[in-house]
Amino acid sequence: MINKCLFPAAGYGTRFLPATKATPKEMLPILTKPLIQYGVEEAVEAGIHTMAIVTGRGKRAIEDHFDTSFELEQQIEGTSKEHLLSEIRSLISECTFSYTRQREMKGLGHAILTGETLIGNEPFAVILADDLCTNTPDCAQGILSQMIKVYEKYQCSIVAIEEVPLDQTNKYGIIAGNPVDGTDNIYRVTDMIEKPDPKEAPTNMAIIGRYILTPDIFNILKETPAGKGGEIQITDALLEQAKQGNVIAYKFDGKRFDCGSIDGFVEATNYFYGKTI
């Protein structure tokens, strides 16, 4: 069972300055909900109710969002606006939220390692909130729900992947692997490269912000030296697991928006708005 979901949420969100100077990028709204709420809802749909959030300085708005606001709720109680809080109230009552701070911004691998104190010795999911994922009409399950089914079968670390244009491989961790069980959407990973130049990329299959990790990843991260950009890369740690045949890449069903970029954020806003009309 996957009981906990880790949300690395300590980054500065520099691509959205000055909007993110005082507002966490995870709290930027797609319509009326912040990005991180979409991620929490995806985790709940997958049967996870314990959320572990790695924050940093200036991120108190995340904690406040997943807490009761007595003054606001009293003000709108009994009015036509009270229903607007029903979804977040449901999440607050269903879930447990815990927090720890990443004091230095040293990469995604370091952020995940910072969350060890909240996770303990058990497999766990990871959601990057600025990768906003949603179901498509032909797939009723969210991406994390799909990945948990894959984990239940293979009992090792799982990364979600999608094909990207070859000229964009330098924005992602890229995998190489062999198809498993005659499928075209599940691969046993043989190699992983962090943000390779297109000429050096083994494939165009990119890791996106959804992972299921086995707890040995923490000890591997502790021994992982800083890699590209002087940061501790989760890709480097996963490669150590992959050398033992312990990483599966899953090409998911669904739609993903890179809301860490302005183009992706606008695309997501238009997409979700289109679903309301």
C-alpha atoms as a PDB file:
ATOM      1  CA  MET A   1       0.000   0.000   0.000  1.00  0.00           C
ATOM      2  CA  ILE A   2       1.076   3.554  -0.758  1.00  0.00           C
ATOM      3  CA  ASN A   3      -0.085   5.570   2.244  1.00  0.00           C
ATOM      4  CA  LYS A   4       1.803   8.866   1.903  1.00  0.00           C
ATOM      5  CA  CYS A   5       2.345  11.435  -0.816  1.00  0.00           C
ATOM      6  CA  LEU A   6       5.288  13.849  -0.736  1.00  0.00           C
ATOM      7  CA  PHE A   7       4.966  17.320  -2.247  1.00  0.00           C
ATOM      8  CA  PRO A   8       8.300  19.122  -2.807  1.00  0.00           C
ATOM      9  CA  ALA A   9       7.171  22.757  -2.583  1.00  0.00           C
ATOM     10  CA  ALA A  10      10.188  24.801  -1.547  1.00  0.00           C
ATOM     11  CA  GLY A  11      11.262  26.205  -4.921  1.00  0.00           C
ATOM     12  CA  TYR A  12      11.301  29.915  -5.675  1.00  0.00           C
ATOM     13  CA  GLY A  13       9.176  29.823  -8.846  1.00  0.00           C
ATOM     14  CA  THR A  14      11.481  32.304 -10.561  1.00  0.00           C
ATOM     15  CA  ARG A  15       9.807  31.872 -13.961  1.00  0.00           C
ATOM     16  CA  PHE A  16       6.724  33.576 -12.521  1.00  0.00           C
ATOM     17  CA  LEU A  17       8.379  36.571 -10.908  1.00  0.00           C
ATOM     18  CA  PRO A  18       7.221  39.022  -9.712  1.00  0.00           C
ATOM     19  CA  ALA A  19       3.974  37.099  -8.992  1.00  0.00           C
ATOM     20  CA  THR A  20       5.887  34.537  -6.905  1.00  0.00           C
ATOM     21  CA  LYS A  21       7.911  37.071  -4.934  1.00  0.00           C
ATOM     22  CA  ALA A  22       5.475  36.735  -2.016  1.00  0.00           C
ATOM     23  CA  THR A  23       3.135  33.986  -3.262  1.00  0.00           C
ATOM     24  CA  PRO A  24       4.252  30.335  -3.509  1.00  0.00           C
ATOM     25  CA  LYS A  25       4.098  29.092  -7.096  1.00  0.00           C
ATOM     26  CA  GLU A  26       2.144  26.085  -5.795  1.00  0.00           C
ATOM     27  CA  MET A  27      -0.598  28.522  -4.772  1.00  0.00           C
ATOM     28  CA  LEU A  28      -1.022  30.056  -8.223  1.00  0.00           C
ATOM     29  CA  PRO A  29      -4.629  29.360  -9.234  1.00  0.00           C
ATOM     30  CA  ILE A  30      -5.960  27.479 -12.215  1.00  0.00           C
ATOM     31  CA  LEU A  31      -9.424  29.019 -12.206  1.00  0.00           C
ATOM     32  CA  THR A  32     -10.441  28.997  -8.524  1.00  0.00           C
ATOM     33  CA  LYS A  33      -8.099  26.330  -7.118  1.00  0.00           C
ATOM     34  CA  PRO A  34      -4.354  26.539  -6.455  1.00  0.00           C
ATOM     35  CA  LEU A  35      -2.063  24.097  -8.228  1.00  0.00           C
ATOM     36  CA  ILE A  36      -1.233  22.162  -5.071  1.00  0.00           C
ATOM     37  CA  GLN A  37      -4.913  21.480  -4.363  1.00  0.00           C
ATOM     38  CA  TYR A  38      -5.237  19.714  -7.710  1.00  0.00           C
ATOM     39  CA  GLY A  39      -2.280  17.537  -6.682  1.00  0.00           C
ATOM     40  CA  VAL A  40      -3.789  16.703  -3.299  1.00  0.00           C
ATOM     41  CA  GLU A  41      -7.078  15.785  -4.961  1.00  0.00           C
ATOM     42  CA  GLU A  42      -5.200  13.450  -7.314  1.00  0.00           C
ATOM     43  CA  ALA A  43      -3.549  11.762  -4.335  1.00  0.00           C
ATOM     44  CA  VAL A  44      -6.883  11.359  -2.530  1.00  0.00           C
ATOM     45  CA  GLU A  45      -8.415   9.814  -5.650  1.00  0.00           C
ATOM     46  CA  ALA A  46      -5.563   7.283  -5.504  1.00  0.00           C
ATOM     47  CA  GLY A  47      -6.493   6.365  -1.936  1.00  0.00           C
ATOM     48  CA  ILE A  48      -3.780   8.414  -0.199  1.00  0.00           C
ATOM     49  CA  HIS A  49      -4.778  10.605   2.742  1.00  0.00           C
ATOM     50  CA  THR A  50      -1.447  11.495   4.360  1.00  0.00           C
ATOM     51  CA  MET A  51       0.223  14.479   2.679  1.00  0.00           C
ATOM     52  CA  ALA A  52       3.838  15.346   3.458  1.00  0.00           C
ATOM     53  CA  ILE A  53       4.852  18.782   2.192  1.00  0.00           C
ATOM     54  CA  VAL A  54       8.426  20.076   1.949  1.00  0.00           C
ATOM     55  CA  THR A  55       8.232  23.854   2.145  1.00  0.00           C
ATOM     56  CA  GLY A  56      10.622  26.756   2.489  1.00  0.00           C
ATOM     57  CA  ARG A  57      10.720  30.376   3.556  1.00  0.00           C
ATOM     58  CA  GLY A  58       7.694  32.365   2.421  1.00  0.00           C
ATOM     59  CA  LYS A  59       5.493  29.297   1.951  1.00  0.00           C
ATOM     60  CA  ARG A  60       3.117  29.731   4.891  1.00  0.00           C
ATOM     61  CA  ALA A  61       0.220  30.274   2.491  1.00  0.00           C
ATOM     62  CA  ILE A  62       0.278  26.530   1.713  1.00  0.00           C
ATOM     63  CA  GLU A  63      -0.198  25.635   5.371  1.00  0.00           C
ATOM     64  CA  ASP A  64      -2.925  28.235   5.752  1.00  0.00           C
ATOM     65  CA  HIS A  65      -4.759  26.927   2.702  1.00  0.00           C
ATOM     66  CA  PHE A  66      -5.026  23.430   4.170  1.00  0.00           C
ATOM     67  CA  ASP A  67      -6.317  24.735   7.492  1.00  0.00           C
ATOM     68  CA  THR A  68      -9.581  26.143   8.799  1.00  0.00           C
ATOM     69  CA  SER A  69     -10.100  29.888   8.344  1.00  0.00           C
ATOM     70  CA  PHE A  70     -12.498  30.691  11.159  1.00  0.00           C
ATOM     71  CA  GLU A  71     -13.015  34.355  10.292  1.00  0.00           C
ATOM     72  CA  LEU A  72     -13.692  33.718   6.599  1.00  0.00           C
ATOM     73  CA  GLU A  73     -15.933  30.727   7.227  1.00  0.00           C
ATOM     74  CA  GLN A  74     -17.943  32.594   9.819  1.00  0.00           C
ATOM     75  CA  GLN A  75     -18.311  35.547   7.456  1.00  0.00           C
ATOM     76  CA  ILE A  76     -19.792  33.483   4.599  1.00  0.00           C
ATOM     77  CA  GLU A  77     -21.691  30.933   6.704  1.00  0.00           C
ATOM     78  CA  GLY A  78     -25.267  30.649   5.496  1.00  0.00           C
ATOM     79  CA  THR A  79     -24.633  32.744   2.378  1.00  0.00           C
ATOM     80  CA  SER A  80     -24.664  31.786  -1.276  1.00  0.00           C
ATOM     81  CA  LYS A  81     -20.849  31.650  -1.213  1.00  0.00           C
ATOM     82  CA  GLU A  82     -20.512  28.976   1.481  1.00  0.00           C
ATOM     83  CA  HIS A  83     -20.501  26.145  -1.082  1.00  0.00           C
ATOM     84  CA  LEU A  84     -17.294  27.549  -2.602  1.00  0.00           C
ATOM     85  CA  LEU A  85     -15.341  26.126   0.343  1.00  0.00           C
ATOM     86  CA  SER A  86     -16.897  22.652   0.224  1.00  0.00           C
ATOM     87  CA  GLU A  87     -14.042  21.006  -1.713  1.00  0.00           C
ATOM     88  CA  ILE A  88     -11.236  22.349   0.469  1.00  0.00           C
ATOM     89  CA  ARG A  89     -13.211  21.597   3.635  1.00  0.00           C
ATOM     90  CA  SER A  90     -13.569  18.004   2.458  1.00  0.00           C
ATOM     91  CA  LEU A  91      -9.816  17.699   1.870  1.00  0.00           C
ATOM     92  CA  ILE A  92      -9.016  19.154   5.280  1.00  0.00           C
ATOM     93  CA  SER A  93     -11.326  16.672   7.006  1.00  0.00           C
ATOM     94  CA  GLU A  94     -10.164  13.664   4.946  1.00  0.00           C
ATOM     95  CA  CYS A  95      -6.412  14.249   5.013  1.00  0.00           C
ATOM     96  CA  THR A  96      -3.533  14.699   7.412  1.00  0.00           C
ATOM     97  CA  PHE A  97      -0.996  17.357   6.420  1.00  0.00           C
ATOM     98  CA  SER A  98       2.532  17.516   7.799  1.00  0.00           C
ATOM     99  CA  TYR A  99       5.330  19.911   6.897  1.00  0.00           C
ATOM    100  CA  THR A 100       9.073  20.257   7.026  1.00  0.00           C
ATOM    101  CA  ARG A 101      11.361  22.941   5.617  1.00  0.00           C
ATOM    102  CA  GLN A 102      14.086  22.625   3.028  1.00  0.00           C
ATOM    103  CA  ARG A 103      16.582  25.203   4.277  1.00  0.00           C
ATOM    104  CA  GLU A 104      18.713  25.200   1.115  1.00  0.00           C
ATOM    105  CA  MET A 105      17.550  24.887  -2.477  1.00  0.00           C
ATOM    106  CA  LYS A 106      19.795  22.019  -3.614  1.00  0.00           C
ATOM    107  CA  GLY A 107      17.620  20.249  -6.140  1.00  0.00           C
ATOM    108  CA  LEU A 108      14.668  17.863  -6.281  1.00  0.00           C
ATOM    109  CA  GLY A 109      16.708  14.982  -4.896  1.00  0.00           C
ATOM    110  CA  HIS A 110      17.617  17.055  -1.854  1.00  0.00           C
ATOM    111  CA  ALA A 111      13.973  18.121  -1.409  1.00  0.00           C
ATOM    112  CA  ILE A 112      12.843  14.486  -1.428  1.00  0.00           C
ATOM    113  CA  LEU A 113      15.589  13.575   1.031  1.00  0.00           C
ATOM    114  CA  THR A 114      14.413  16.415   3.292  1.00  0.00           C
ATOM    115  CA  GLY A 115      11.020  14.711   3.386  1.00  0.00           C
ATOM    116  CA  GLU A 116      12.426  11.485   4.854  1.00  0.00           C
ATOM    117  CA  THR A 117      11.465  12.565   8.357  1.00  0.00           C
ATOM    118  CA  LEU A 118       7.816  12.773   7.229  1.00  0.00           C
ATOM    119  CA  ILE A 119       7.803   9.538   5.214  1.00  0.00           C
ATOM    120  CA  GLY A 120       9.767   7.007   7.251  1.00  0.00           C
ATOM    121  CA  ASN A 121      10.634   3.534   5.985  1.00  0.00           C
ATOM    122  CA  GLU A 122       7.856   2.865   3.501  1.00  0.00           C
ATOM    123  CA  PRO A 123       7.162   3.333  -0.224  1.00  0.00           C
ATOM    124  CA  PHE A 124       5.599   6.678  -1.090  1.00  0.00           C
ATOM    125  CA  ALA A 125       4.282   8.792  -3.938  1.00  0.00           C
ATOM    126  CA  VAL A 126       5.713  12.118  -5.081  1.00  0.00           C
ATOM    127  CA  ILE A 127       3.715  14.831  -6.843  1.00  0.00           C
ATOM    128  CA  LEU A 128       5.242  17.987  -8.286  1.00  0.00           C
ATOM    129  CA  ALA A 129       2.339  20.415  -8.135  1.00  0.00           C
ATOM    130  CA  ASP A 130       3.415  22.493 -11.117  1.00  0.00           C
ATOM    131  CA  ASP A 131       2.959  19.422 -13.317  1.00  0.00           C
ATOM    132  CA  LEU A 132      -0.826  19.578 -13.413  1.00  0.00           C
ATOM    133  CA  CYS A 133      -2.311  16.287 -14.602  1.00  0.00           C
ATOM    134  CA  THR A 134      -5.894  15.454 -15.407  1.00  0.00           C
ATOM    135  CA  ASN A 135      -7.959  12.581 -16.734  1.00  0.00           C
ATOM    136  CA  THR A 136      -9.003  12.370 -20.356  1.00  0.00           C
ATOM    137  CA  PRO A 137     -12.478  11.237 -21.440  1.00  0.00           C
ATOM    138  CA  ASP A 138     -11.210   7.758 -22.346  1.00  0.00           C
ATOM    139  CA  CYS A 139      -9.456   7.234 -18.983  1.00  0.00           C
ATOM    140  CA  ALA A 140     -11.413   7.531 -15.770  1.00  0.00           C
ATOM    141  CA  GLN A 141      -8.419   7.140 -13.434  1.00  0.00           C
ATOM    142  CA  GLY A 142      -5.885   9.776 -12.471  1.00  0.00           C
ATOM    143  CA  ILE A 143      -2.206   9.255 -13.221  1.00  0.00           C
ATOM    144  CA  LEU A 144      -1.255   8.429  -9.637  1.00  0.00           C
ATOM    145  CA  SER A 145      -4.009   5.813  -9.431  1.00  0.00           C
ATOM    146  CA  GLN A 146      -2.649   4.225 -12.610  1.00  0.00           C
ATOM    147  CA  MET A 147       0.894   4.244 -11.227  1.00  0.00           C
ATOM    148  CA  ILE A 148      -0.140   2.551  -7.996  1.00  0.00           C
ATOM    149  CA  LYS A 149      -1.541  -0.359 -10.014  1.00  0.00           C
ATOM    150  CA  VAL A 150       1.818  -0.631 -11.798  1.00  0.00           C
ATOM    151  CA  TYR A 151       3.629  -0.520  -8.435  1.00  0.00           C
ATOM    152  CA  GLU A 152       1.423  -3.267  -7.028  1.00  0.00           C
ATOM    153  CA  LYS A 153       2.531  -5.526  -9.884  1.00  0.00           C
ATOM    154  CA  TYR A 154       6.261  -4.731 -10.013  1.00  0.00           C
ATOM    155  CA  GLN A 155       7.022  -3.647  -6.407  1.00  0.00           C
ATOM    156  CA  CYS A 156       9.770  -1.173  -7.325  1.00  0.00           C
ATOM    157  CA  SER A 157      10.157   2.529  -8.037  1.00  0.00           C
ATOM    158  CA  ILE A 158       7.858   3.868 -10.774  1.00  0.00           C
ATOM    159  CA  VAL A 159       8.317   7.037 -12.840  1.00  0.00           C
ATOM    160  CA  ALA A 160       5.673   8.549 -15.094  1.00  0.00           C
ATOM    161  CA  ILE A 161       6.866   9.362 -18.601  1.00  0.00           C
ATOM    162  CA  GLU A 162       5.582  10.998 -21.759  1.00  0.00           C
ATOM    163  CA  GLU A 163       7.079  11.558 -25.173  1.00  0.00           C
ATOM    164  CA  VAL A 164       8.362  15.090 -25.758  1.00  0.00           C
ATOM    165  CA  PRO A 165       9.754  16.810 -28.858  1.00  0.00           C
ATOM    166  CA  LEU A 166      13.419  15.924 -29.300  1.00  0.00           C
ATOM    167  CA  ASP A 167      14.438  19.576 -29.112  1.00  0.00           C
ATOM    168  CA  GLN A 168      13.036  19.721 -25.547  1.00  0.00           C
ATOM    169  CA  THR A 169      14.991  16.866 -23.971  1.00  0.00           C
ATOM    170  CA  ASN A 170      17.232  19.406 -22.226  1.00  0.00           C
ATOM    171  CA  LYS A 171      14.281  20.318 -19.981  1.00  0.00           C
ATOM    172  CA  TYR A 172      13.680  16.831 -18.537  1.00  0.00           C
ATOM    173  CA  GLY A 173      15.150  13.665 -17.145  1.00  0.00           C
ATOM    174  CA  ILE A 174      15.184  11.261 -20.093  1.00  0.00           C
ATOM    175  CA  ILE A 175      14.970   7.467 -19.817  1.00  0.00           C
ATOM    176  CA  ALA A 176      15.972   4.515 -21.935  1.00  0.00           C
ATOM    177  CA  GLY A 177      14.440   1.133 -21.300  1.00  0.00           C
ATOM    178  CA  ASN A 178      13.088  -2.158 -22.561  1.00  0.00           C
ATOM    179  CA  PRO A 179       9.363  -2.866 -22.951  1.00  0.00           C
ATOM    180  CA  VAL A 180       7.950  -5.164 -20.277  1.00  0.00           C
ATOM    181  CA  ASP A 181       5.468  -7.994 -20.867  1.00  0.00           C
ATOM    182  CA  GLY A 182       5.038  -7.061 -24.521  1.00  0.00           C
ATOM    183  CA  THR A 183       3.477  -3.688 -23.699  1.00  0.00           C
ATOM    184  CA  ASP A 184       4.187  -0.334 -25.303  1.00  0.00           C
ATOM    185  CA  ASN A 185       3.587   1.736 -22.169  1.00  0.00           C
ATOM    186  CA  ILE A 186       5.671  -0.005 -19.466  1.00  0.00           C
ATOM    187  CA  TYR A 187       9.476  -0.112 -19.614  1.00  0.00           C
ATOM    188  CA  ARG A 188      12.213  -1.537 -17.411  1.00  0.00           C
ATOM    189  CA  VAL A 189      14.582   1.432 -17.187  1.00  0.00           C
ATOM    190  CA  THR A 190      18.182   0.816 -18.269  1.00  0.00           C
ATOM    191  CA  ASP A 191      19.473   4.397 -18.338  1.00  0.00           C
ATOM    192  CA  MET A 192      18.471   7.874 -17.181  1.00  0.00           C
ATOM    193  CA  ILE A 193      20.058  11.195 -18.081  1.00  0.00           C
ATOM    194  CA  GLU A 194      19.216  14.545 -16.521  1.00  0.00           C
ATOM    195  CA  LYS A 195      18.410  17.232 -19.116  1.00  0.00           C
ATOM    196  CA  PRO A 196      20.542  15.882 -21.958  1.00  0.00           C
ATOM    197  CA  ASP A 197      21.311  17.843 -25.099  1.00  0.00           C
ATOM    198  CA  PRO A 198      19.058  16.518 -27.890  1.00  0.00           C
ATOM    199  CA  LYS A 199      22.112  15.029 -29.618  1.00  0.00           C
ATOM    200  CA  GLU A 200      22.904  13.011 -26.467  1.00  0.00           C
ATOM    201  CA  ALA A 201      19.375  11.963 -25.503  1.00  0.00           C
ATOM    202  CA  PRO A 202      18.847   8.173 -25.730  1.00  0.00           C
ATOM    203  CA  THR A 203      15.101   8.627 -26.381  1.00  0.00           C
ATOM    204  CA  ASN A 204      12.439  11.316 -26.226  1.00  0.00           C
ATOM    205  CA  MET A 205      10.706   9.686 -23.225  1.00  0.00           C
ATOM    206  CA  ALA A 206      10.719  12.260 -20.436  1.00  0.00           C
ATOM    207  CA  ILE A 207      10.075  11.851 -16.727  1.00  0.00           C
ATOM    208  CA  ILE A 208       7.274  14.119 -15.495  1.00  0.00           C
ATOM    209  CA  GLY A 209       6.380  15.119 -11.959  1.00  0.00           C
ATOM    210  CA  ARG A 210       4.884  11.857 -10.712  1.00  0.00           C
ATOM    211  CA  TYR A 211       6.885   9.168  -8.909  1.00  0.00           C
ATOM    212  CA  ILE A 212       6.407   6.197  -6.633  1.00  0.00           C
ATOM    213  CA  LEU A 213       9.636   5.585  -4.728  1.00  0.00           C
ATOM    214  CA  THR A 214      10.801   2.748  -2.527  1.00  0.00           C
ATOM    215  CA  PRO A 215      12.344   3.837   0.796  1.00  0.00           C
ATOM    216  CA  ASP A 216      15.887   2.782  -0.106  1.00  0.00           C
ATOM    217  CA  ILE A 217      15.955   5.913  -2.263  1.00  0.00           C
ATOM    218  CA  PHE A 218      16.770   7.923   0.881  1.00  0.00           C
ATOM    219  CA  ASN A 219      20.047   6.099   1.540  1.00  0.00           C
ATOM    220  CA  ILE A 220      20.953   6.392  -2.130  1.00  0.00           C
ATOM    221  CA  LEU A 221      20.266  10.140  -2.074  1.00  0.00           C
ATOM    222  CA  LYS A 222      22.524  10.534   0.959  1.00  0.00           C
ATOM    223  CA  GLU A 223      25.388   9.151  -1.118  1.00  0.00           C
ATOM    224  CA  THR A 224      24.502  10.942  -4.355  1.00  0.00           C
ATOM    225  CA  PRO A 225      26.917  13.765  -5.230  1.00  0.00           C
ATOM    226  CA  ALA A 226      25.702  17.030  -6.688  1.00  0.00           C
ATOM    227  CA  GLY A 227      25.113  16.661 -10.407  1.00  0.00           C
ATOM    228  CA  LYS A 228      23.936  18.975 -13.153  1.00  0.00           C
ATOM    229  CA  GLY A 229      23.575  22.559 -11.940  1.00  0.00           C
ATOM    230  CA  GLY A 230      25.280  21.709  -8.650  1.00  0.00           C
ATOM    231  CA  GLU A 231      22.077  20.088  -7.406  1.00  0.00           C
ATOM    232  CA  ILE A 232      21.291  16.635  -6.040  1.00  0.00           C
ATOM    233  CA  GLN A 233      19.272  15.101  -8.851  1.00  0.00           C
ATOM    234  CA  ILE A 234      16.611  12.470  -8.212  1.00  0.00           C
ATOM    235  CA  THR A 235      17.471  11.135 -11.688  1.00  0.00           C
ATOM    236  CA  ASP A 236      20.984  10.215 -10.499  1.00  0.00           C
ATOM    237  CA  ALA A 237      19.599   8.351  -7.482  1.00  0.00           C
ATOM    238  CA  LEU A 238      17.005   6.532  -9.580  1.00  0.00           C
ATOM    239  CA  LEU A 239      19.748   5.465 -11.967  1.00  0.00           C
ATOM    240  CA  GLU A 240      21.375   3.550  -9.100  1.00  0.00           C
ATOM    241  CA  GLN A 241      18.107   1.680  -8.575  1.00  0.00           C
ATOM    242  CA  ALA A 242      17.762   1.146 -12.329  1.00  0.00           C
ATOM    243  CA  LYS A 243      21.174  -0.578 -12.445  1.00  0.00           C
ATOM    244  CA  GLN A 244      19.581  -3.259 -10.251  1.00  0.00           C
ATOM    245  CA  GLY A 245      16.514  -3.443 -12.493  1.00  0.00           C
ATOM    246  CA  ASN A 246      14.395  -1.683  -9.888  1.00  0.00           C
ATOM    247  CA  VAL A 247      12.841   1.204 -11.838  1.00  0.00           C
ATOM    248  CA  ILE A 248       9.798   0.956 -14.094  1.00  0.00           C
ATOM    249  CA  ALA A 249       8.775   3.788 -16.431  1.00  0.00           C
ATOM    250  CA  TYR A 250       5.058   4.084 -17.144  1.00  0.00           C
ATOM    251  CA  LYS A 251       3.650   5.975 -20.129  1.00  0.00           C
ATOM    252  CA  PHE A 252       0.430   7.210 -18.575  1.00  0.00           C
ATOM    253  CA  ASP A 253      -3.049   7.850 -19.916  1.00  0.00           C
ATOM    254  CA  GLY A 254      -4.093  11.425 -19.297  1.00  0.00           C
ATOM    255  CA  LYS A 255      -3.169  15.022 -20.000  1.00  0.00           C
ATOM    256  CA  ARG A 256      -0.329  16.959 -18.412  1.00  0.00           C
ATOM    257  CA  PHE A 257       0.314  20.685 -18.279  1.00  0.00           C
ATOM    258  CA  ASP A 258       3.707  22.167 -17.412  1.00  0.00           C
ATOM    259  CA  CYS A 259       2.406  24.914 -15.136  1.00  0.00           C
ATOM    260  CA  GLY A 260       5.960  25.828 -14.189  1.00  0.00           C
ATOM    261  CA  SER A 261       6.026  27.667 -17.525  1.00  0.00           C
ATOM    262  CA  ILE A 262       3.834  30.585 -18.514  1.00  0.00           C
ATOM    263  CA  ASP A 263       2.732  28.874 -21.729  1.00  0.00           C
ATOM    264  CA  GLY A 264       1.709  25.724 -19.875  1.00  0.00           C
ATOM    265  CA  PHE A 265      -0.045  27.714 -17.170  1.00  0.00           C
ATOM    266  CA  VAL A 266      -2.133  29.611 -19.733  1.00  0.00           C
ATOM    267  CA  GLU A 267      -2.876  26.383 -21.623  1.00  0.00           C
ATOM    268  CA  ALA A 268      -4.094  24.719 -18.410  1.00  0.00           C
ATOM    269  CA  THR A 269      -6.254  27.709 -17.515  1.00  0.00           C
ATOM    270  CA  ASN A 270      -7.898  27.680 -20.941  1.00  0.00           C
ATOM    271  CA  TYR A 271      -8.383  23.899 -20.827  1.00  0.00           C
ATOM    272  CA  PHE A 272     -10.071  23.864 -17.429  1.00  0.00           C
ATOM    273  CA  TYR A 273     -12.144  26.918 -18.295  1.00  0.00           C
ATOM    274  CA  GLY A 274     -13.320  25.145 -21.432  1.00  0.00           C
ATOM    275  CA  LYS A 275     -14.565  22.265 -19.293  1.00  0.00           C
ATOM    276  CA  THR A 276     -16.829  24.640 -17.334  1.00  0.00           C
ATOM    277  CA  ILE A 277     -18.708  26.052 -20.317  1.00  0.00           C
END
